Amino acid sequence: MGEGAGRQGRGGVDRLTVQDAARRLGVSEAAIRKRVTRGTLEHAEGEDGRVYVYLDTGVDSGVDEGIHPEQSTLISEMRDRIDFLERELEARREELQRRDVIILNMSETMKALPSPASQETPAETPGAPETAADEQQGRGQAPDAGGAQEPAEPRSWWRRMFGG
């Protein structure tokens, strides 16, 4: 500890430098200086011009003498919740990264597939006609002369790919 650290000030109170008080309370030096400025920490200026903070001898890391036990419990609970939320956030980030990789792989696979327009319609069996008109012409029957035949709908690409 630095100069003046750990020295007994008044009954049950330690006189500490700002740096030592920050270490003991587990906060930054700026936080100690703000508390001094606001007047929430008892302090005094030494003969050497340095600011000294007075803390109860029982005050240890993470426990501030200005905080009631109920507040300390609430602060502890809030820190636990913050830790939990930070872990949850990290898990969500990892999950999103995994999803991004899956989506990227799927899009690359889709790009590698031939486009449906460039594929010829494969015959279901060699030599088998695909439409009723082809079937009739294959048997030597003349199409119905009385009416116009409806053109057969072209098969969709997914039916061609998966059969159906």
Foldseek 3Di string as FASTA:
>chain_A
DDPQAPDDDDVQKGKAFLCVVCQFQVHDSVVSVVCVVVVVWDWDQDPVRGIITIAGNPRGYNRGPSDDPVRSVVVVVVVVVVVVVVVVVVVVVVVVVVVVVVVVVVVVVVVPDDDLVPDDQDDPDPPDDDDPCVVCVVVVHDPDPPDDDDDDDDDDSVCSVVPD
